[in-house]
Amino acid sequence: MTKELWINLPVKNLQRSREFFGKLGFSFHPRHENSDEAAGLIIGDKQVMVMLFPEDTFKSFTGHELADTQQGTEVLLSIDAESREEVDELVSKVLAAGGTVYKKPGGEGWMYGAGFADPDGHRWNVLYMDMSQMPPG
């Protein structure tokens, strides 16, 4: 059975993407730290790897054209937050780092979240879920 999952995303400018995600507080796998061909973005305690590849490299893997992220969404990447404040803080960092917010922070009851797009238009969702307040059912 598989033991790891790598999510691969095409980016227009690898250095710009490294800087953007670094400003959000994410780390990168040291294996790719000096590479011009890839960056391994580490997400969460389980250290899921999101591989960022220059568009031409990505296209060589898929043998297919890229989705136009200005016209549609190819994937929604969801990450968790430990509090409502952490959701708000990440949204502030996104804006300061040059990303865009397509869904302002908000929510009711047990779920609070926001949506943002990175510099390449990939959409991310950040959610805080208070499981103690989740409705039964």
Protein backbone atom coordinates (compact mmCIF):
# COMPACT_ATOMS: atom_id res chain seq x y z
CA MET A 1 0.00 0.00 0.00
CA THR A 2 1.21 3.53 -0.62
CA LYS A 3 2.86 5.29 2.29
CA GLU A 4 3.23 8.83 1.03
CA LEU A 5 1.39 11.32 -1.12
CA TRP A 6 3.02 14.03 -3.20
CA ILE A 7 0.87 16.73 -4.68
CA ASN A 8 2.42 18.33 -7.76
CA LEU A 9 1.65 21.89 -8.86
CA PRO A 10 2.96 23.87 -11.83
CA VAL A 11 4.33 27.33 -11.09
CA LYS A 12 5.38 30.16 -13.40
CA ASN A 13 8.28 31.31 -11.19
CA LEU A 14 9.75 28.83 -8.70
CA GLN A 15 11.62 31.46 -6.68
CA ARG A 16 8.51 33.63 -6.36
CA SER A 17 6.56 30.60 -5.11
CA ARG A 18 9.28 29.75 -2.57
CA GLU A 19 9.19 33.32 -1.28
CA PHE A 20 5.38 33.41 -1.12
CA PHE A 21 5.00 30.18 0.84
CA GLY A 22 8.00 31.02 3.03
CA LYS A 23 6.28 34.28 4.02
CA LEU A 24 3.24 32.23 5.05
CA GLY A 25 5.45 30.26 7.42
CA PHE A 26 5.76 27.03 5.46
CA SER A 27 9.04 25.15 5.23
CA PHE A 28 10.70 23.34 2.34
CA HIS A 29 12.33 19.95 2.11
CA PRO A 30 16.12 20.37 2.19
CA ARG A 31 16.57 17.92 -0.72
CA HIS A 32 15.43 20.63 -3.16
CA GLU A 33 16.68 23.80 -1.45
CA ASN A 34 19.23 24.68 -4.15
CA SER A 35 17.23 23.37 -7.09
CA ASP A 36 15.97 25.44 -10.00
CA GLU A 37 13.78 22.49 -11.07
CA ALA A 38 11.65 21.79 -7.97
CA ALA A 39 10.72 22.86 -4.46
CA GLY A 40 9.23 20.52 -1.88
CA LEU A 41 6.73 22.49 0.20
CA ILE A 42 6.08 20.73 3.54
CA ILE A 43 2.52 20.89 4.92
CA GLY A 44 1.47 19.93 8.44
CA ASP A 45 2.58 17.52 11.12
CA LYS A 46 2.36 14.58 8.72
CA GLN A 47 4.68 16.48 6.39
CA VAL A 48 2.68 16.09 3.20
CA MET A 49 4.84 17.22 0.31
CA VAL A 50 3.53 19.64 -2.29
CA MET A 51 6.03 19.64 -5.12
CA LEU A 52 6.28 22.92 -7.01
CA PHE A 53 7.59 22.52 -10.55
CA PRO A 54 8.23 25.06 -13.30
CA GLU A 55 5.39 24.82 -15.81
CA ASP A 56 7.51 23.26 -18.58
CA THR A 57 8.78 20.55 -16.24
CA PHE A 58 5.26 19.85 -15.02
CA LYS A 59 3.96 19.58 -18.59
CA SER A 60 6.73 17.10 -19.42
CA PHE A 61 5.42 14.81 -16.63
CA THR A 62 1.78 15.02 -17.64
CA GLY A 63 2.06 15.21 -21.42
CA HIS A 64 -0.88 17.61 -21.22
CA GLU A 65 -1.60 21.32 -21.27
CA LEU A 66 -2.04 23.16 -17.98
CA ALA A 67 -5.34 24.39 -16.63
CA ASP A 68 -5.80 28.16 -16.82
CA THR A 69 -6.23 29.05 -13.15
CA GLN A 70 -7.64 32.45 -14.14
CA GLN A 71 -10.58 30.72 -15.85
CA GLY A 72 -11.20 27.70 -13.64
CA THR A 73 -10.11 25.74 -10.61
CA GLU A 74 -8.18 22.53 -11.15
CA VAL A 75 -7.91 21.63 -7.46
CA LEU A 76 -8.78 23.01 -4.01
CA LEU A 77 -6.05 22.37 -1.45
CA SER A 78 -7.39 22.45 2.11
CA ILE A 79 -5.28 22.95 5.20
CA ASP A 80 -6.30 23.20 8.83
CA ALA A 81 -5.77 25.88 11.44
CA GLU A 82 -5.69 25.53 15.21
CA SER A 83 -7.92 28.55 15.86
CA ARG A 84 -9.98 31.30 14.26
CA GLU A 85 -7.09 33.65 14.98
CA GLU A 86 -4.72 31.42 13.03
CA VAL A 87 -7.08 31.56 10.02
CA ASP A 88 -7.11 35.36 10.23
CA GLU A 89 -3.32 35.51 10.65
CA LEU A 90 -2.72 33.31 7.60
CA VAL A 91 -5.04 35.48 5.49
CA SER A 92 -3.08 38.57 6.55
CA LYS A 93 0.17 36.85 5.58
CA VAL A 94 -1.31 35.84 2.21
CA LEU A 95 -2.19 39.45 1.41
CA ALA A 96 1.20 40.75 2.58
CA ALA A 97 2.98 38.11 0.46
CA GLY A 98 1.10 39.01 -2.73
CA GLY A 99 -1.62 36.37 -2.78
CA THR A 100 -5.32 37.05 -3.19
CA VAL A 101 -8.25 36.23 -0.94
CA TYR A 102 -11.29 34.90 -2.78
CA LYS A 103 -13.27 34.08 0.38
CA LYS A 104 -12.89 36.34 3.40
CA PRO A 105 -12.61 34.70 6.83
CA GLY A 106 -15.93 33.75 8.30
CA GLY A 107 -18.21 31.01 9.45
CA GLU A 108 -20.68 30.11 12.09
CA GLY A 109 -20.64 27.69 14.97
CA TRP A 110 -18.05 24.97 14.70
CA MET A 111 -16.43 25.87 11.36
CA TYR A 112 -14.49 29.02 10.43
CA GLY A 113 -12.39 29.43 7.34
CA ALA A 114 -11.19 31.44 4.37
CA GLY A 115 -10.01 30.91 0.80
CA PHE A 116 -6.93 32.28 -0.96
CA ALA A 117 -5.08 31.91 -4.21
CA ASP A 118 -1.30 31.70 -4.49
CA PRO A 119 0.59 33.72 -7.15
CA ASP A 120 -0.15 31.03 -9.75
CA GLY A 121 -3.87 31.03 -9.06
CA HIS A 122 -3.98 27.68 -7.23
CA ARG A 123 -6.80 27.84 -4.70
CA TRP A 124 -6.28 27.03 -1.05
CA ASN A 125 -8.83 26.68 1.72
CA VAL A 126 -7.86 27.14 5.38
CA LEU A 127 -10.30 25.87 8.02
CA TYR A 128 -10.61 25.83 11.77
CA MET A 129 -13.07 23.22 13.00
CA ASP A 130 -14.09 23.11 16.64
CA MET A 131 -15.16 19.47 16.82
CA SER A 132 -16.63 19.96 20.30
CA GLN A 133 -19.21 22.31 18.73
CA MET A 134 -20.01 20.12 15.70
CA PRO A 135 -23.74 19.43 15.43
CA PRO A 136 -24.75 15.81 16.01
CA GLY A 137 -25.61 13.74 13.02
